Protein backbone atom coordinates (compact mmCIF):
# COMPACT_ATOMS: atom_id res chain seq x y z
CA UNK A 1 92.89 54.93 89.69
CA UNK A 2 95.15 57.86 88.73
CA UNK A 3 92.28 59.67 87.25
CA UNK A 4 90.17 59.60 90.85
CA UNK A 5 90.72 62.44 93.26
CA UNK A 6 89.14 64.10 95.87
CA UNK A 7 89.55 67.67 94.73
CA UNK A 8 90.04 68.91 91.27
CA UNK A 9 91.26 72.54 90.99
CA UNK A 10 90.89 74.08 87.49
CA UNK A 11 93.34 77.22 86.97
CA UNK A 12 96.91 77.10 88.26
CA UNK A 13 97.54 80.70 89.07
CA UNK A 14 97.46 82.44 92.53
CA UNK A 15 94.19 81.15 93.93
CA UNK A 16 94.26 77.70 92.30
CA UNK A 17 97.89 76.74 93.53
CA UNK A 18 97.16 78.27 96.95
CA UNK A 19 94.13 76.19 97.16
CA UNK A 20 95.75 73.10 95.81
CA UNK A 21 98.64 73.12 98.24
CA UNK A 22 96.41 73.76 101.43
CA UNK A 23 94.01 71.00 100.34
CA UNK A 24 97.04 68.69 99.38
CA UNK A 25 98.92 69.37 102.68
CA UNK A 26 95.52 68.44 104.73
CA UNK A 27 96.10 64.89 103.31
CA UNK A 28 93.40 65.49 100.32
CA UNK A 29 94.30 64.07 96.82
CA UNK A 30 94.36 66.85 94.63
CA UNK A 31 94.99 67.70 90.98
CA UNK A 32 95.79 70.77 89.69
CA UNK A 33 94.57 71.61 86.02
CA UNK A 34 95.64 74.41 83.46
CA UNK A 35 95.10 74.76 79.89
CA UNK A 36 98.50 76.82 79.73
CA UNK A 37 101.64 75.71 78.76
CA UNK A 38 103.04 78.40 80.81
CA UNK A 39 101.73 78.42 84.38
CA UNK A 40 100.78 81.80 86.58
CA UNK A 41 101.53 84.30 83.77
CA UNK A 42 99.64 86.89 85.78
CA UNK A 43 101.98 86.39 88.62
CA UNK A 44 105.05 86.79 86.28
CA UNK A 45 104.23 89.91 84.91
CA UNK A 46 102.77 91.94 87.90
CA UNK A 47 104.55 94.69 89.82
CA UNK A 48 106.86 94.96 86.62
CA UNK A 49 107.96 91.35 87.20
CA UNK A 50 108.66 91.65 90.68
CA UNK A 51 105.16 90.91 91.80
CA UNK A 52 103.21 93.07 94.23
CA UNK A 53 102.04 90.01 96.26
CA UNK A 54 100.12 91.57 99.13
CA UNK A 55 99.46 94.78 101.14
CA UNK A 56 100.01 95.03 104.69
CA UNK A 57 97.05 97.47 104.84
CA UNK A 58 94.32 94.97 103.13
CA UNK A 59 90.97 94.75 104.68
CA UNK A 60 87.46 94.52 103.51
CA UNK A 61 87.57 98.23 102.82
CA UNK A 62 89.98 97.86 100.03
CA UNK A 63 87.47 95.62 97.77
CA UNK A 64 84.61 96.43 95.56
CA UNK A 65 81.76 94.12 95.39
CA UNK A 66 77.89 94.12 95.14
CA UNK A 67 78.23 92.28 98.82
CA UNK A 68 81.25 94.19 100.21
CA UNK A 69 80.81 92.22 103.38
CA UNK A 70 81.40 88.90 101.73
CA UNK A 71 85.24 88.89 101.78
CA UNK A 72 85.81 89.91 105.44
CA UNK A 73 85.50 86.38 106.50
CA UNK A 74 88.41 84.95 104.09
CA UNK A 75 90.74 88.07 104.73
CA UNK A 76 90.35 87.86 108.53
CA UNK A 77 91.34 84.03 108.43
CA UNK A 78 94.30 84.51 106.19
CA UNK A 79 95.96 87.84 106.55
CA UNK A 80 98.84 89.67 104.81
CA UNK A 81 100.92 88.77 107.60
CA UNK A 82 100.24 84.87 107.11
CA UNK A 83 101.15 85.37 103.58
CA UNK A 84 104.62 86.98 104.62
CA UNK A 85 105.53 84.44 107.03
CA UNK A 86 105.29 81.93 103.82
CA UNK A 87 107.46 84.24 101.87
CA UNK A 88 109.71 84.52 104.64
CA UNK A 89 109.96 80.79 105.28
CA UNK A 90 111.20 80.52 101.58
CA UNK A 91 113.98 83.24 102.11
CA UNK A 92 112.11 85.56 99.38
CA UNK A 93 113.82 88.90 100.02
CA UNK A 94 111.00 91.77 99.68
CA UNK A 95 110.58 95.36 100.22
CA UNK A 96 107.71 97.89 100.97
CA UNK A 97 106.86 100.35 98.63
CA UNK A 98 104.40 103.23 99.74
CA UNK A 99 100.80 102.39 101.21
CA UNK A 100 101.96 99.06 102.50
CA UNK A 101 102.50 97.67 98.95
CA UNK A 102 105.02 94.45 99.11
CA UNK A 103 107.03 93.56 96.29
CA UNK A 104 109.82 90.80 95.55
CA UNK A 105 113.45 92.12 95.51
CA UNK A 106 114.46 89.81 92.56
CA UNK A 107 111.79 88.44 90.66
CA UNK A 108 107.98 87.30 90.78
CA UNK A 109 109.31 83.85 89.61
CA UNK A 110 110.18 83.35 93.49
CA UNK A 111 106.55 83.76 94.12
CA UNK A 112 105.91 81.14 91.55
CA UNK A 113 108.34 78.79 92.40
CA UNK A 114 107.12 78.86 96.39
CA UNK A 115 103.62 78.10 95.53
CA UNK A 116 104.83 75.14 93.22
CA UNK A 117 106.96 73.91 96.28
CA UNK A 118 103.90 74.09 98.53
CA UNK A 119 102.11 72.14 96.13
CA UNK A 120 104.64 69.45 96.02
CA UNK A 121 104.64 69.22 99.83
CA UNK A 122 101.07 68.38 99.50
CA UNK A 123 101.89 65.91 96.76
CA UNK A 124 99.25 67.59 94.29
CA UNK A 125 99.35 65.96 90.83
CA UNK A 126 99.64 68.34 87.52
CA UNK A 127 97.70 68.18 84.37
CA UNK A 128 99.18 70.72 82.15
CA UNK A 129 98.60 71.70 79.60
CA UNK A 130 95.14 70.23 79.67
CA UNK A 131 91.79 71.55 78.68
CA UNK A 132 88.89 70.83 80.63
CA UNK A 133 86.11 70.70 77.86
CA UNK A 134 82.94 69.75 80.19
CA UNK A 135 81.86 69.27 83.86
CA UNK A 136 79.09 67.07 84.60
CA UNK A 137 78.10 65.09 87.62
CA UNK A 138 78.02 61.28 87.95
CA UNK A 139 76.02 60.61 91.00
CA UNK A 140 77.67 62.78 93.86
CA UNK A 141 80.84 62.88 92.28
CA UNK A 142 81.97 65.43 89.46
CA UNK A 143 83.29 64.32 86.05
CA UNK A 144 85.42 66.50 83.86
CA UNK A 145 86.19 65.59 80.13
CA UNK A 146 89.38 66.88 79.37
CA UNK A 147 91.50 66.71 76.08
CA UNK A 148 93.58 64.16 77.95
CA UNK A 149 91.12 62.04 79.27
CA UNK A 150 88.50 61.77 82.01
CA UNK A 151 89.02 63.01 85.53
CA UNK A 152 86.79 62.39 88.45
CA UNK A 153 86.54 64.12 91.66
CA UNK A 154 84.38 64.56 94.91
CA UNK A 155 84.94 68.43 94.70
CA UNK A 156 85.46 70.93 92.12
CA UNK A 157 87.39 74.30 92.75
CA UNK A 158 87.27 76.83 89.61
CA UNK A 159 90.27 79.23 89.88
CA UNK A 160 90.43 80.34 86.47
CA UNK A 161 90.28 84.09 86.85
CA UNK A 162 88.26 86.48 85.08
CA UNK A 163 88.27 88.06 81.19
CA UNK A 164 91.34 90.71 81.92
CA UNK A 165 94.78 90.01 79.65
CA UNK A 166 93.39 87.50 77.22
CA UNK A 167 96.87 87.40 75.67
CA UNK A 168 97.99 85.48 78.55
CA UNK A 169 95.39 83.14 78.39
CA UNK A 170 91.99 84.54 80.12
CA UNK A 171 88.83 82.92 79.29
CA UNK A 172 85.39 83.08 80.38
CA UNK A 173 85.35 79.44 81.78
CA UNK A 174 84.40 80.16 85.36
CA UNK A 175 81.41 82.12 84.25
CA UNK A 176 80.14 79.56 81.62
CA UNK A 177 80.32 76.93 84.29
CA UNK A 178 78.64 79.14 86.89
CA UNK A 179 75.73 79.50 84.33
CA UNK A 180 75.87 75.85 83.36
CA UNK A 181 74.93 75.11 87.39
CA UNK A 182 72.45 77.84 87.47
CA UNK A 183 74.43 80.41 89.22
CA UNK A 184 73.83 84.09 88.93
CA UNK A 185 76.64 86.55 87.71
CA UNK A 186 77.25 89.98 88.54
CA UNK A 187 77.87 91.55 84.82
CA UNK A 188 81.63 91.45 84.43
CA UNK A 189 83.48 94.39 83.17
CA UNK A 190 87.06 95.56 82.91
CA UNK A 191 88.55 96.68 86.06
CA UNK A 192 91.75 98.82 87.11
CA UNK A 193 91.90 99.86 83.60
CA UNK A 194 92.94 102.92 81.68
CA UNK A 195 90.04 105.33 80.41
CA UNK A 196 89.72 106.69 77.09
CA UNK A 197 87.82 109.75 75.44
CA UNK A 198 86.36 110.73 72.33
CA UNK A 199 88.73 112.10 69.61
CA UNK A 200 87.18 115.79 69.91
CA UNK A 201 87.29 115.89 73.57
CA UNK A 202 90.89 114.54 73.67
CA UNK A 203 92.53 116.28 70.93
CA UNK A 204 93.81 119.00 72.70
CA UNK A 205 95.48 116.90 75.21
CA UNK A 206 97.41 114.71 72.87
CA UNK A 207 100.12 116.40 73.03
CA UNK A 208 100.54 116.30 76.80
CA UNK A 209 100.99 112.25 76.43
CA UNK A 210 103.65 111.08 79.11
CA UNK A 211 103.09 113.79 81.51
CA UNK A 212 102.64 112.40 84.94
CA UNK A 213 101.65 114.20 88.30
CA UNK A 214 99.99 113.56 91.74
CA UNK A 215 96.41 114.55 91.68
CA UNK A 216 93.07 113.81 93.57
CA UNK A 217 90.72 112.13 91.66
CA UNK A 218 86.75 111.57 92.28
CA UNK A 219 83.73 109.79 90.69
CA UNK A 220 80.11 109.09 91.76
CA UNK A 221 77.20 110.74 93.17
CA UNK A 222 77.71 112.70 96.51
CA UNK A 223 76.67 109.76 98.82
CA UNK A 224 78.79 107.06 97.23
CA UNK A 225 81.57 109.43 96.25
CA UNK A 226 84.94 107.76 95.80
CA UNK A 227 88.15 109.58 96.07
CA UNK A 228 91.91 108.58 95.73
CA UNK A 229 95.08 110.73 95.67
CA UNK A 230 97.54 109.01 93.45
CA UNK A 231 99.77 109.74 90.26
CA UNK A 232 97.99 110.49 86.99
CA UNK A 233 99.45 109.56 83.49
CA UNK A 234 98.30 111.52 80.33
CA UNK A 235 98.32 109.00 77.04
CA UNK A 236 97.63 109.62 73.54
CA UNK A 237 94.03 107.96 73.82
CA UNK A 238 93.20 109.01 77.32
CA UNK A 239 94.17 108.96 81.02
CA UNK A 240 96.03 106.13 83.07
CA UNK A 241 98.42 105.64 85.82
CA UNK A 242 97.35 104.54 89.38
CA UNK A 243 94.86 107.15 89.97
CA UNK A 244 93.00 106.16 86.86
CA UNK A 245 93.44 102.38 87.41
CA UNK A 246 91.93 102.91 90.99
CA UNK A 247 89.11 104.81 89.86
CA UNK A 248 87.95 102.98 87.08
CA UNK A 249 87.07 100.43 89.43
CA UNK A 250 84.17 102.93 90.76
CA UNK A 251 83.25 104.75 87.36
CA UNK A 252 80.19 104.31 85.55
CA UNK A 253 79.85 104.62 81.96
CA UNK A 254 78.31 108.22 81.21
CA UNK A 255 79.39 109.75 84.35
CA UNK A 256 82.28 112.06 84.83
CA UNK A 257 85.29 111.99 86.75
CA UNK A 258 86.78 115.13 88.60
CA UNK A 259 90.45 115.87 88.92
CA UNK A 260 92.32 118.41 91.05
CA UNK A 261 95.57 118.60 89.58
CA UNK A 262 97.08 120.73 92.34
CA UNK A 263 95.45 119.22 95.45
CA UNK A 264 97.23 121.37 97.85
CA UNK A 265 96.66 124.93 96.53
CA UNK A 266 93.41 126.86 95.50
CA UNK A 267 94.78 127.88 92.34
CA UNK A 268 91.83 130.58 91.41
CA UNK A 269 92.20 132.36 95.00
CA UNK A 270 96.21 132.19 94.78
CA UNK A 271 96.07 133.84 91.38
CA UNK A 272 93.21 136.53 92.31
CA UNK A 273 95.04 137.33 95.36
CA UNK A 274 98.41 137.50 93.51
CA UNK A 275 97.23 140.05 91.28
CA UNK A 276 98.67 142.93 92.99
CA UNK A 277 101.86 141.29 94.14
CA UNK A 278 103.14 138.86 91.43
CA UNK A 279 104.54 140.93 88.46
CA UNK A 280 104.64 137.81 86.11
CA UNK A 281 103.12 136.47 83.03
CA UNK A 282 100.67 133.68 83.62
CA UNK A 283 102.77 131.40 81.59
CA UNK A 284 105.83 131.67 83.94
CA UNK A 285 103.32 131.60 86.90
CA UNK A 286 101.66 128.21 86.61
CA UNK A 287 104.76 125.96 86.20
CA UNK A 288 105.28 126.69 89.89
CA UNK A 289 102.45 124.18 90.62
CA UNK A 290 102.27 122.04 87.27
CA UNK A 291 104.67 120.26 84.71
CA UNK A 292 105.48 123.11 82.22
CA UNK A 293 103.78 121.32 79.05
CA UNK A 294 100.82 120.85 80.89
CA UNK A 295 100.49 124.49 82.30
CA UNK A 296 100.98 125.75 78.65
CA UNK A 297 98.47 123.12 77.43
CA UNK A 298 95.88 124.11 80.21
CA UNK A 299 96.09 127.78 79.19
CA UNK A 300 95.43 126.97 75.44
CA UNK A 301 92.31 124.88 76.33
CA UNK A 302 90.99 128.03 78.20
CA UNK A 303 91.90 130.38 75.40
CA UNK A 304 94.67 132.18 77.47
CA UNK A 305 97.98 133.54 75.96
CA UNK A 306 100.65 132.31 78.19
CA UNK A 307 102.52 136.04 78.06
CA UNK A 308 99.25 137.47 79.61
CA UNK A 309 100.11 139.62 82.71
CA UNK A 310 98.68 138.27 85.72
CA UNK A 311 97.91 141.80 86.67
CA UNK A 312 95.68 142.56 83.47
CA UNK A 313 93.69 139.39 83.88
CA UNK A 314 89.92 139.66 84.98
CA UNK A 315 89.09 137.78 88.03
CA UNK A 316 86.38 135.79 86.20
CA UNK A 317 89.18 134.31 83.79
CA UNK A 318 91.25 133.67 86.50
CA UNK A 319 88.50 131.70 88.48
CA UNK A 320 87.78 129.78 85.42
CA UNK A 321 91.35 128.58 85.02
CA UNK A 322 91.55 127.79 88.58
CA UNK A 323 88.36 125.88 88.32
CA UNK A 324 89.69 123.81 85.47
CA UNK A 325 92.77 122.79 87.46
CA UNK A 326 91.30 122.15 90.92
CA UNK A 327 88.02 120.79 89.51
CA UNK A 328 88.56 119.39 86.08
CA UNK A 329 85.45 117.60 85.22
CA UNK A 330 85.72 115.05 82.19
CA UNK A 331 83.54 112.10 80.91
CA UNK A 332 85.23 109.26 79.63
CA UNK A 333 83.67 107.56 76.82
CA UNK A 334 85.09 104.09 77.61
CA UNK A 335 88.10 102.16 78.72
CA UNK A 336 91.08 100.35 76.97
CA UNK A 337 89.02 97.06 77.70
CA UNK A 338 90.10 93.65 78.86
CA UNK A 339 93.46 93.68 77.04
CA UNK A 340 94.67 96.50 79.28
CA UNK A 341 92.56 95.82 82.47
CA UNK A 342 94.85 93.98 85.19
CA UNK A 343 91.37 92.70 86.91
CA UNK A 344 87.82 91.82 85.80
CA UNK A 345 85.15 93.25 87.68
CA UNK A 346 81.72 91.48 88.60
CA UNK A 347 81.82 87.61 88.40
CA UNK A 348 79.86 84.78 90.44
CA UNK A 349 77.66 86.44 92.43
CA UNK A 350 78.82 86.40 96.13
CA UNK A 351 75.02 85.41 97.12
CA UNK A 352 75.46 82.16 95.42
CA UNK A 353 78.49 81.17 97.52
CA UNK A 354 79.53 80.55 101.09
CA UNK A 355 81.85 83.26 102.54
CA UNK A 356 83.25 80.52 104.82
CA UNK A 357 84.00 77.82 102.15
CA UNK A 358 83.33 79.58 98.85
CA UNK A 359 81.34 76.69 97.92
CA UNK A 360 78.18 77.15 95.77
CA UNK A 361 75.18 76.89 98.07
CA UNK A 362 72.97 75.39 95.19
CA UNK A 363 75.81 72.70 94.01
CA UNK A 364 77.72 70.63 96.99
CA UNK A 365 81.06 70.25 96.22
CA UNK A 366 81.43 73.24 93.64
CA UNK A 367 83.59 76.07 94.71
CA UNK A 368 84.77 79.62 92.96
CA UNK A 369 87.83 81.40 94.26
CA UNK A 370 89.97 84.41 93.25
CA UNK A 371 89.04 86.82 90.56
CA UNK A 372 86.17 84.78 88.92
CA UNK A 373 84.06 85.98 92.27
CA UNK A 374 82.58 89.36 92.26
CA UNK A 375 85.31 90.62 94.72
CA UNK A 376 87.68 93.19 93.26
CA UNK A 377 90.53 94.73 95.08
CA UNK A 378 92.30 97.97 94.71
CA UNK A 379 95.56 98.44 92.84
CA UNK A 380 98.51 97.63 95.14
CA UNK A 381 98.48 94.12 96.07
CA UNK A 382 94.88 93.49 97.32
CA UNK A 383 93.65 91.26 94.35
CA UNK A 384 96.60 88.82 95.39
CA UNK A 385 95.67 88.92 98.85
CA UNK A 386 92.15 88.03 98.04
CA UNK A 387 93.57 85.05 95.85
CA UNK A 388 95.48 83.99 98.73
CA UNK A 389 92.67 84.12 101.31
CA UNK A 390 89.94 82.69 99.05
CA UNK A 391 92.11 79.94 98.11
CA UNK A 392 92.95 78.97 101.58
CA UNK A 393 89.34 79.43 102.64
CA UNK A 394 88.39 76.81 99.98
CA UNK A 395 91.61 74.80 100.54
CA UNK A 396 90.88 74.14 104.35
CA UNK A 397 87.12 73.19 103.85
CA UNK A 398 86.85 71.50 100.52
């Protein structure tokens, strides 16, 4: 009865392998199915190939969801320290970057090999590459019709992720299955993604492509305003870098983002106060706080000659310049979309799932984990921690 299993996990990425390994090591008969020939590509490419596998600070406050409390249970029961213990057991060397981000010293491949070994320890059966064409129910068991035959299982775990980065195999499979079984979705959209601007708005800034600097970035109304201090990157099409990727998960179409390019200095006040003491041209002063190319570009955008003497400039002009540096308001016209998005925002509505088991309330035995669920982490290892935690929650209960 090689096609009869206790549990079928569909999707052999971070969440799927974690779930299969945990369930298998509980003595369950598990099959892990994936349509790709090359598994866990998202782990492989993350962190520049070194996999930012968790964040020491990970907590519910680092996740975006229509129900921000949903992730609390799984995250509290499987913490960054728990995953770190697993990494240490496999003697994978790692290092911490800023803000609690943990990376492999050598290669993301080590995390993939570790998860495969954990699956082997649980005697997980593999079906790869294998495409699940339909899922139905025969009585109280699930029937999976695949291009390699039919598989029967008492429980099914959907761990196929979201729509981000389709070139490495992302599909809408999880969302189609959710709809098939009558589960609601929170509208999916690209998350952790560069933002773009219309040509007329962005044309003056195209020459600034490649400039990077630390900024404060904000979006949202006063009561729900979201703020980050991260690095910003100018591109030919718009803005990227950690600052923009972070804010993109909170930005709503048609709304502005606000940038403070020099967070520690009130430029307007400094320039106005300096008119009597600073005997320099404005073009020689701004590079004290900004990259030279950016300083020049901002002067041009404000119609100010770089050779204008500070002492001769009207206070009104200096305050306008300061406002454009400390409170630069700009409205994106969109994003680079799923092809550049690191994650998918939205997904299976958490109201449809048990926060303890990740099982659909209306469909006993059907679970959703990882990126397929409406839980999206900040940039910096948080989404992997959600994969480990939600995968473990399902693996322990399924």
